[in-house]
Amino acid sequence: GLADRVLADPTAAELAPRYRFAARLVTTGR
């Protein structure tokens, strides 16, 4: 049920154009 809620959030798709012209990207976590 929690996964359904996350997938229903359109934010990720809405943010994608922000990075359309990125030349490189860094990801990080601990």
PDB file of all heavy atoms in Angstrom:
ATOM      1  N   GLY A   1       0.814  -1.211   0.000  1.00  0.00           N
ATOM      2  CA  GLY A   1       0.000   0.000   0.000  1.00  0.00           C
ATOM      3  C   GLY A   1       0.843   1.255   0.000  1.00  0.00           C
ATOM      4  O   GLY A   1       0.528   2.242  -0.690  1.00  0.00           O
ATOM      5  N   LEU A   2       1.940   1.247   0.748  1.00  0.00           N
ATOM      6  CA  LEU A   2       2.837   2.407   0.767  1.00  0.00           C
ATOM      7  C   LEU A   2       3.496   2.608  -0.594  1.00  0.00           C
ATOM      8  O   LEU A   2       3.663   3.746  -1.054  1.00  0.00           O
ATOM      9  CB  LEU A   2       3.899   2.214   1.844  1.00  0.00           C
ATOM     10  CG  LEU A   2       3.391   2.169   3.294  1.00  0.00           C
ATOM     11  CD1 LEU A   2       4.541   1.862   4.242  1.00  0.00           C
ATOM     12  CD2 LEU A   2       2.713   3.474   3.677  1.00  0.00           C
ATOM     13  N   ALA A   3       3.869   1.512  -1.231  1.00  0.00           N
ATOM     14  CA  ALA A   3       4.474   1.613  -2.566  1.00  0.00           C
ATOM     15  C   ALA A   3       3.483   2.186  -3.573  1.00  0.00           C
ATOM     16  O   ALA A   3       3.865   2.990  -4.444  1.00  0.00           O
ATOM     17  CB  ALA A   3       4.971   0.242  -3.023  1.00  0.00           C
ATOM     18  N   ASP A   4       2.228   1.804  -3.468  1.00  0.00           N
ATOM     19  CA  ASP A   4       1.197   2.389  -4.332  1.00  0.00           C
ATOM     20  C   ASP A   4       1.137   3.901  -4.161  1.00  0.00           C
ATOM     21  O   ASP A   4       1.022   4.648  -5.145  1.00  0.00           O
ATOM     22  CB  ASP A   4      -0.174   1.778  -4.002  1.00  0.00           C
ATOM     23  CG  ASP A   4      -0.455   0.518  -4.803  1.00  0.00           C
ATOM     24  OD1 ASP A   4      -0.082   0.459  -5.990  1.00  0.00           O
ATOM     25  OD2 ASP A   4      -1.058  -0.409  -4.245  1.00  0.00           O
ATOM     26  N   ARG A   5       1.214   4.363  -2.917  1.00  0.00           N
ATOM     27  CA  ARG A   5       1.175   5.803  -2.637  1.00  0.00           C
ATOM     28  C   ARG A   5       2.360   6.516  -3.266  1.00  0.00           C
ATOM     29  O   ARG A   5       2.221   7.595  -3.853  1.00  0.00           O
ATOM     30  CB  ARG A   5       1.168   6.046  -1.125  1.00  0.00           C
ATOM     31  CG  ARG A   5      -0.165   5.862  -0.462  1.00  0.00           C
ATOM     32  CD  ARG A   5      -0.041   5.978   1.052  1.00  0.00           C
ATOM     33  NE  ARG A   5       0.691   7.160   1.479  1.00  0.00           N
ATOM     34  CZ  ARG A   5       1.108   7.375   2.716  1.00  0.00           C
ATOM     35  NH1 ARG A   5       0.888   6.444   3.662  1.00  0.00           N
ATOM     36  NH2 ARG A   5       1.752   8.487   3.039  1.00  0.00           N
ATOM     37  N   VAL A   6       3.534   5.925  -3.154  1.00  0.00           N
ATOM     38  CA  VAL A   6       4.733   6.550  -3.717  1.00  0.00           C
ATOM     39  C   VAL A   6       4.618   6.659  -5.231  1.00  0.00           C
ATOM     40  O   VAL A   6       4.926   7.706  -5.824  1.00  0.00           O
ATOM     41  CB  VAL A   6       5.987   5.751  -3.319  1.00  0.00           C
ATOM     42  CG1 VAL A   6       7.218   6.317  -4.027  1.00  0.00           C
ATOM     43  CG2 VAL A   6       6.191   5.787  -1.810  1.00  0.00           C
ATOM     44  N   LEU A   7       4.165   5.581  -5.872  1.00  0.00           N
ATOM     45  CA  LEU A   7       4.077   5.582  -7.329  1.00  0.00           C
ATOM     46  C   LEU A   7       2.995   6.518  -7.852  1.00  0.00           C
ATOM     47  O   LEU A   7       3.046   6.947  -9.015  1.00  0.00           O
ATOM     48  CB  LEU A   7       3.832   4.156  -7.835  1.00  0.00           C
ATOM     49  CG  LEU A   7       5.013   3.193  -7.667  1.00  0.00           C
ATOM     50  CD1 LEU A   7       4.621   1.782  -8.096  1.00  0.00           C
ATOM     51  CD2 LEU A   7       6.228   3.664  -8.466  1.00  0.00           C
ATOM     52  N   ALA A   8       2.013   6.844  -7.015  1.00  0.00           N
ATOM     53  CA  ALA A   8       0.949   7.758  -7.430  1.00  0.00           C
ATOM     54  C   ALA A   8       1.394   9.220  -7.404  1.00  0.00           C
ATOM     55  O   ALA A   8       0.711  10.096  -7.956  1.00  0.00           O
ATOM     56  CB  ALA A   8      -0.266   7.581  -6.525  1.00  0.00           C
ATOM     57  N   ASP A   9       2.535   9.501  -6.792  1.00  0.00           N
ATOM     58  CA  ASP A   9       3.053  10.868  -6.699  1.00  0.00           C
ATOM     59  C   ASP A   9       3.707  11.250  -8.029  1.00  0.00           C
ATOM     60  O   ASP A   9       4.658  10.594  -8.463  1.00  0.00           O
ATOM     61  CB  ASP A   9       4.070  10.936  -5.560  1.00  0.00           C
ATOM     62  CG  ASP A   9       4.607  12.344  -5.329  1.00  0.00           C
ATOM     63  OD1 ASP A   9       4.372  13.233  -6.165  1.00  0.00           O
ATOM     64  OD2 ASP A   9       5.286  12.556  -4.299  1.00  0.00           O
ATOM     65  N   PRO A  10       3.255  12.304  -8.702  1.00  0.00           N
ATOM     66  CA  PRO A  10       3.810  12.669 -10.017  1.00  0.00           C
ATOM     67  C   PRO A  10       5.089  13.491  -9.950  1.00  0.00           C
ATOM     68  O   PRO A  10       5.628  13.880 -11.005  1.00  0.00           O
ATOM     69  CB  PRO A  10       2.681  13.497 -10.633  1.00  0.00           C
ATOM     70  CG  PRO A  10       2.057  14.182  -9.446  1.00  0.00           C
ATOM     71  CD  PRO A  10       2.148  13.193  -8.304  1.00  0.00           C
ATOM     72  N   THR A  11       5.610  13.762  -8.764  1.00  0.00           N
ATOM     73  CA  THR A  11       6.724  14.701  -8.626  1.00  0.00           C
ATOM     74  C   THR A  11       7.947  14.294  -9.448  1.00  0.00           C
ATOM     75  O   THR A  11       8.592  15.143 -10.090  1.00  0.00           O
ATOM     76  CB  THR A  11       7.128  14.852  -7.148  1.00  0.00           C
ATOM     77  OG1 THR A  11       5.976  15.214  -6.380  1.00  0.00           O
ATOM     78  CG2 THR A  11       8.196  15.914  -6.988  1.00  0.00           C
ATOM     79  N   ALA A  12       8.304  13.015  -9.426  1.00  0.00           N
ATOM     80  CA  ALA A  12       9.504  12.579 -10.146  1.00  0.00           C
ATOM     81  C   ALA A  12       9.396  12.887 -11.635  1.00  0.00           C
ATOM     82  O   ALA A  12      10.343  13.419 -12.239  1.00  0.00           O
ATOM     83  CB  ALA A  12       9.730  11.089  -9.919  1.00  0.00           C
ATOM     84  N   ALA A  13       8.262  12.563 -12.234  1.00  0.00           N
ATOM     85  CA  ALA A  13       8.085  12.827 -13.662  1.00  0.00           C
ATOM     86  C   ALA A  13       8.076  14.326 -13.942  1.00  0.00           C
ATOM     87  O   ALA A  13       8.591  14.784 -14.975  1.00  0.00           O
ATOM     88  CB  ALA A  13       6.796  12.184 -14.149  1.00  0.00           C
ATOM     89  N   GLU A  14       7.506  15.093 -13.029  1.00  0.00           N
ATOM     90  CA  GLU A  14       7.451  16.544 -13.220  1.00  0.00           C
ATOM     91  C   GLU A  14       8.838  17.183 -13.130  1.00  0.00           C
ATOM     92  O   GLU A  14       9.097  18.215 -13.767  1.00  0.00           O
ATOM     93  CB  GLU A  14       6.525  17.158 -12.171  1.00  0.00           C
ATOM     94  CG  GLU A  14       5.057  16.785 -12.355  1.00  0.00           C
ATOM     95  CD  GLU A  14       4.178  17.188 -11.186  1.00  0.00           C
ATOM     96  OE1 GLU A  14       4.718  17.640 -10.153  1.00  0.00           O
ATOM     97  OE2 GLU A  14       2.948  17.038 -11.296  1.00  0.00           O
ATOM     98  N   LEU A  15       9.730  16.579 -12.356  1.00  0.00           N
ATOM     99  CA  LEU A  15      11.075  17.134 -12.192  1.00  0.00           C
ATOM    100  C   LEU A  15      12.017  16.753 -13.328  1.00  0.00           C
ATOM    101  O   LEU A  15      13.069  17.386 -13.500  1.00  0.00           O
ATOM    102  CB  LEU A  15      11.676  16.654 -10.869  1.00  0.00           C
ATOM    103  CG  LEU A  15      11.141  17.293  -9.599  1.00  0.00           C
ATOM    104  CD1 LEU A  15      11.690  16.572  -8.371  1.00  0.00           C
ATOM    105  CD2 LEU A  15      11.512  18.782  -9.547  1.00  0.00           C
ATOM    106  N   ALA A  16      11.681  15.736 -14.099  1.00  0.00           N
ATOM    107  CA  ALA A  16      12.604  15.231 -15.120  1.00  0.00           C
ATOM    108  C   ALA A  16      13.099  16.312 -16.084  1.00  0.00           C
ATOM    109  O   ALA A  16      14.306  16.356 -16.395  1.00  0.00           O
ATOM    110  CB  ALA A  16      11.946  14.081 -15.884  1.00  0.00           C
ATOM    111  N   PRO A  17      12.236  17.205 -16.594  1.00  0.00           N
ATOM    112  CA  PRO A  17      12.747  18.223 -17.524  1.00  0.00           C
ATOM    113  C   PRO A  17      13.835  19.110 -16.928  1.00  0.00           C
ATOM    114  O   PRO A  17      14.657  19.667 -17.665  1.00  0.00           O
ATOM    115  CB  PRO A  17      11.487  19.041 -17.862  1.00  0.00           C
ATOM    116  CG  PRO A  17      10.349  18.088 -17.641  1.00  0.00           C
ATOM    117  CD  PRO A  17      10.768  17.259 -16.467  1.00  0.00           C
ATOM    118  N   ARG A  18      13.859  19.218 -15.603  1.00  0.00           N
ATOM    119  CA  ARG A  18      14.887  20.035 -14.947  1.00  0.00           C
ATOM    120  C   ARG A  18      16.292  19.529 -15.256  1.00  0.00           C
ATOM    121  O   ARG A  18      17.253  20.314 -15.304  1.00  0.00           O
ATOM    122  CB  ARG A  18      14.623  20.003 -13.437  1.00  0.00           C
ATOM    123  CG  ARG A  18      15.580  20.818 -12.580  1.00  0.00           C
ATOM    124  CD  ARG A  18      15.297  20.565 -11.094  1.00  0.00           C
ATOM    125  NE  ARG A  18      16.091  21.432 -10.234  1.00  0.00           N
ATOM    126  CZ  ARG A  18      15.667  22.567  -9.706  1.00  0.00           C
ATOM    127  NH1 ARG A  18      14.423  22.967  -9.955  1.00  0.00           N
ATOM    128  NH2 ARG A  18      16.448  23.294  -8.933  1.00  0.00           N
ATOM    129  N   TYR A  19      16.398  18.218 -15.492  1.00  0.00           N
ATOM    130  CA  TYR A  19      17.715  17.601 -15.686  1.00  0.00           C
ATOM    131  C   TYR A  19      17.945  17.160 -17.137  1.00  0.00           C
ATOM    132  O   TYR A  19      18.903  16.450 -17.420  1.00  0.00           O
ATOM    133  CB  TYR A  19      17.867  16.407 -14.741  1.00  0.00           C
ATOM    134  CG  TYR A  19      17.552  16.788 -13.309  1.00  0.00           C
ATOM    135  CD1 TYR A  19      16.366  16.358 -12.709  1.00  0.00           C
ATOM    136  CD2 TYR A  19      18.403  17.599 -12.590  1.00  0.00           C
ATOM    137  CE1 TYR A  19      16.057  16.737 -11.412  1.00  0.00           C
ATOM    138  CE2 TYR A  19      18.102  17.986 -11.286  1.00  0.00           C
ATOM    139  CZ  TYR A  19      16.923  17.552 -10.703  1.00  0.00           C
ATOM    140  OH  TYR A  19      16.614  17.936  -9.421  1.00  0.00           O
ATOM    141  N   ARG A  20      17.097  17.624 -18.023  1.00  0.00           N
ATOM    142  CA  ARG A  20      17.176  17.176 -19.424  1.00  0.00           C
ATOM    143  C   ARG A  20      18.529  17.467 -20.046  1.00  0.00           C
ATOM    144  O   ARG A  20      19.049  16.663 -20.836  1.00  0.00           O
ATOM    145  CB  ARG A  20      16.060  17.847 -20.232  1.00  0.00           C
ATOM    146  CG  ARG A  20      16.049  17.427 -21.697  1.00  0.00           C
ATOM    147  CD  ARG A  20      14.928  18.102 -22.457  1.00  0.00           C
ATOM    148  NE  ARG A  20      14.947  17.736 -23.864  1.00  0.00           N
ATOM    149  CZ  ARG A  20      14.141  18.260 -24.783  1.00  0.00           C
ATOM    150  NH1 ARG A  20      13.251  19.182 -24.434  1.00  0.00           N
ATOM    151  NH2 ARG A  20      14.222  17.883 -26.039  1.00  0.00           N
ATOM    152  N   PHE A  21      19.108  18.601 -19.719  1.00  0.00           N
ATOM    153  CA  PHE A  21      20.355  19.005 -20.373  1.00  0.00           C
ATOM    154  C   PHE A  21      21.568  18.839 -19.458  1.00  0.00           C
ATOM    155  O   PHE A  21      22.642  19.384 -19.744  1.00  0.00           O
ATOM    156  CB  PHE A  21      20.245  20.451 -20.863  1.00  0.00           C
ATOM    157  CG  PHE A  21      19.148  20.640 -21.881  1.00  0.00           C
ATOM    158  CD1 PHE A  21      17.974  21.282 -21.544  1.00  0.00           C
ATOM    159  CD2 PHE A  21      19.280  20.131 -23.161  1.00  0.00           C
ATOM    160  CE1 PHE A  21      16.952  21.442 -22.473  1.00  0.00           C
ATOM    161  CE2 PHE A  21      18.266  20.271 -24.099  1.00  0.00           C
ATOM    162  CZ  PHE A  21      17.096  20.934 -23.749  1.00  0.00           C
ATOM    163  N   ALA A  22      21.415  18.094 -18.399  1.00  0.00           N
ATOM    164  CA  ALA A  22      22.552  17.852 -17.509  1.00  0.00           C
ATOM    165  C   ALA A  22      23.631  17.062 -18.249  1.00  0.00           C
ATOM    166  O   ALA A  22      23.338  16.133 -19.005  1.00  0.00           O
ATOM    167  CB  ALA A  22      22.102  17.093 -16.266  1.00  0.00           C
ATOM    168  N   ALA A  23      24.890  17.417 -18.010  1.00  0.00           N
ATOM    169  CA  ALA A  23      26.004  16.704 -18.638  1.00  0.00           C
ATOM    170  C   ALA A  23      26.487  15.557 -17.768  1.00  0.00           C
ATOM    171  O   ALA A  23      27.053  14.583 -18.278  1.00  0.00           O
ATOM    172  CB  ALA A  23      27.152  17.659 -18.916  1.00  0.00           C
ATOM    173  N   ARG A  24      26.281  15.666 -16.468  1.00  0.00           N
ATOM    174  CA  ARG A  24      26.635  14.606 -15.534  1.00  0.00           C
ATOM    175  C   ARG A  24      25.859  14.820 -14.245  1.00  0.00           C
ATOM    176  O   ARG A  24      25.286  15.899 -14.035  1.00  0.00           O
ATOM    177  CB  ARG A  24      28.141  14.582 -15.259  1.00  0.00           C
ATOM    178  CG  ARG A  24      28.710  15.831 -14.642  1.00  0.00           C
ATOM    179  CD  ARG A  24      30.228  15.764 -14.605  1.00  0.00           C
ATOM    180  NE  ARG A  24      30.835  16.917 -13.939  1.00  0.00           N
ATOM    181  CZ  ARG A  24      31.051  18.090 -14.509  1.00  0.00           C
ATOM    182  NH1 ARG A  24      30.701  18.263 -15.779  1.00  0.00           N
ATOM    183  NH2 ARG A  24      31.620  19.090 -13.843  1.00  0.00           N
ATOM    184  N   LEU A  25      25.866  13.834 -13.397  1.00  0.00           N
ATOM    185  CA  LEU A  25      25.063  13.887 -12.183  1.00  0.00           C
ATOM    186  C   LEU A  25      25.747  13.060 -11.105  1.00  0.00           C
ATOM    187  O   LEU A  25      26.448  12.088 -11.400  1.00  0.00           O
ATOM    188  CB  LEU A  25      23.644  13.366 -12.478  1.00  0.00           C
ATOM    189  CG  LEU A  25      22.585  13.465 -11.398  1.00  0.00           C
ATOM    190  CD1 LEU A  25      21.218  13.782 -12.027  1.00  0.00           C
ATOM    191  CD2 LEU A  25      22.469  12.149 -10.623  1.00  0.00           C
ATOM    192  N   VAL A  26      25.539  13.434  -9.854  1.00  0.00           N
ATOM    193  CA  VAL A  26      26.084  12.711  -8.718  1.00  0.00           C
ATOM    194  C   VAL A  26      24.929  12.186  -7.878  1.00  0.00           C
ATOM    195  O   VAL A  26      23.925  12.887  -7.673  1.00  0.00           O
ATOM    196  CB  VAL A  26      26.982  13.621  -7.856  1.00  0.00           C
ATOM    197  CG1 VAL A  26      27.351  12.952  -6.532  1.00  0.00           C
ATOM    198  CG2 VAL A  26      28.247  13.992  -8.625  1.00  0.00           C
ATOM    199  N   THR A  27      25.042  10.956  -7.395  1.00  0.00           N
ATOM    200  CA  THR A  27      24.066  10.423  -6.446  1.00  0.00           C
ATOM    201  C   THR A  27      24.800  10.060  -5.161  1.00  0.00           C
ATOM    202  O   THR A  27      25.966   9.657  -5.185  1.00  0.00           O
ATOM    203  CB  THR A  27      23.342   9.180  -6.984  1.00  0.00           C
ATOM    204  OG1 THR A  27      24.284   8.098  -7.123  1.00  0.00           O
ATOM    205  CG2 THR A  27      22.685   9.456  -8.328  1.00  0.00           C
ATOM    206  N   THR A  28      24.097  10.187  -4.039  1.00  0.00           N
ATOM    207  CA  THR A  28      24.755   9.927  -2.762  1.00  0.00           C
ATOM    208  C   THR A  28      23.749   9.494  -1.699  1.00  0.00           C
ATOM    209  O   THR A  28      22.568   9.835  -1.761  1.00  0.00           O
ATOM    210  CB  THR A  28      25.526  11.188  -2.291  1.00  0.00           C
ATOM    211  OG1 THR A  28      26.232  10.901  -1.084  1.00  0.00           O
ATOM    212  CG2 THR A  28      24.586  12.363  -2.052  1.00  0.00           C
ATOM    213  N   GLY A  29      24.217   8.735  -0.740  1.00  0.00           N
ATOM    214  CA  GLY A  29      23.409   8.281   0.384  1.00  0.00           C
ATOM    215  C   GLY A  29      24.317   7.588   1.380  1.00  0.00           C
ATOM    216  O   GLY A  29      25.485   7.289   1.071  1.00  0.00           O
ATOM    217  N   ARG A  30      23.786   7.321   2.569  1.00  0.00           N
ATOM    218  CA  ARG A  30      24.582   6.615   3.580  1.00  0.00           C
ATOM    219  C   ARG A  30      23.779   5.456   4.143  1.00  0.00           C
ATOM    220  O   ARG A  30      22.546   5.472   4.159  1.00  0.00           O
ATOM    221  CB  ARG A  30      24.997   7.554   4.708  1.00  0.00           C
ATOM    222  CG  ARG A  30      26.040   8.578   4.286  1.00  0.00           C
ATOM    223  CD  ARG A  30      26.823   9.117   5.463  1.00  0.00           C
ATOM    224  NE  ARG A  30      27.669   8.084   6.079  1.00  0.00           N
ATOM    225  CZ  ARG A  30      28.475   8.323   7.111  1.00  0.00           C
ATOM    226  NH1 ARG A  30      28.540   9.532   7.642  1.00  0.00           N
ATOM    227  NH2 ARG A  30      29.211   7.354   7.617  1.00  0.00           N
TER     228      ARG A  30
END
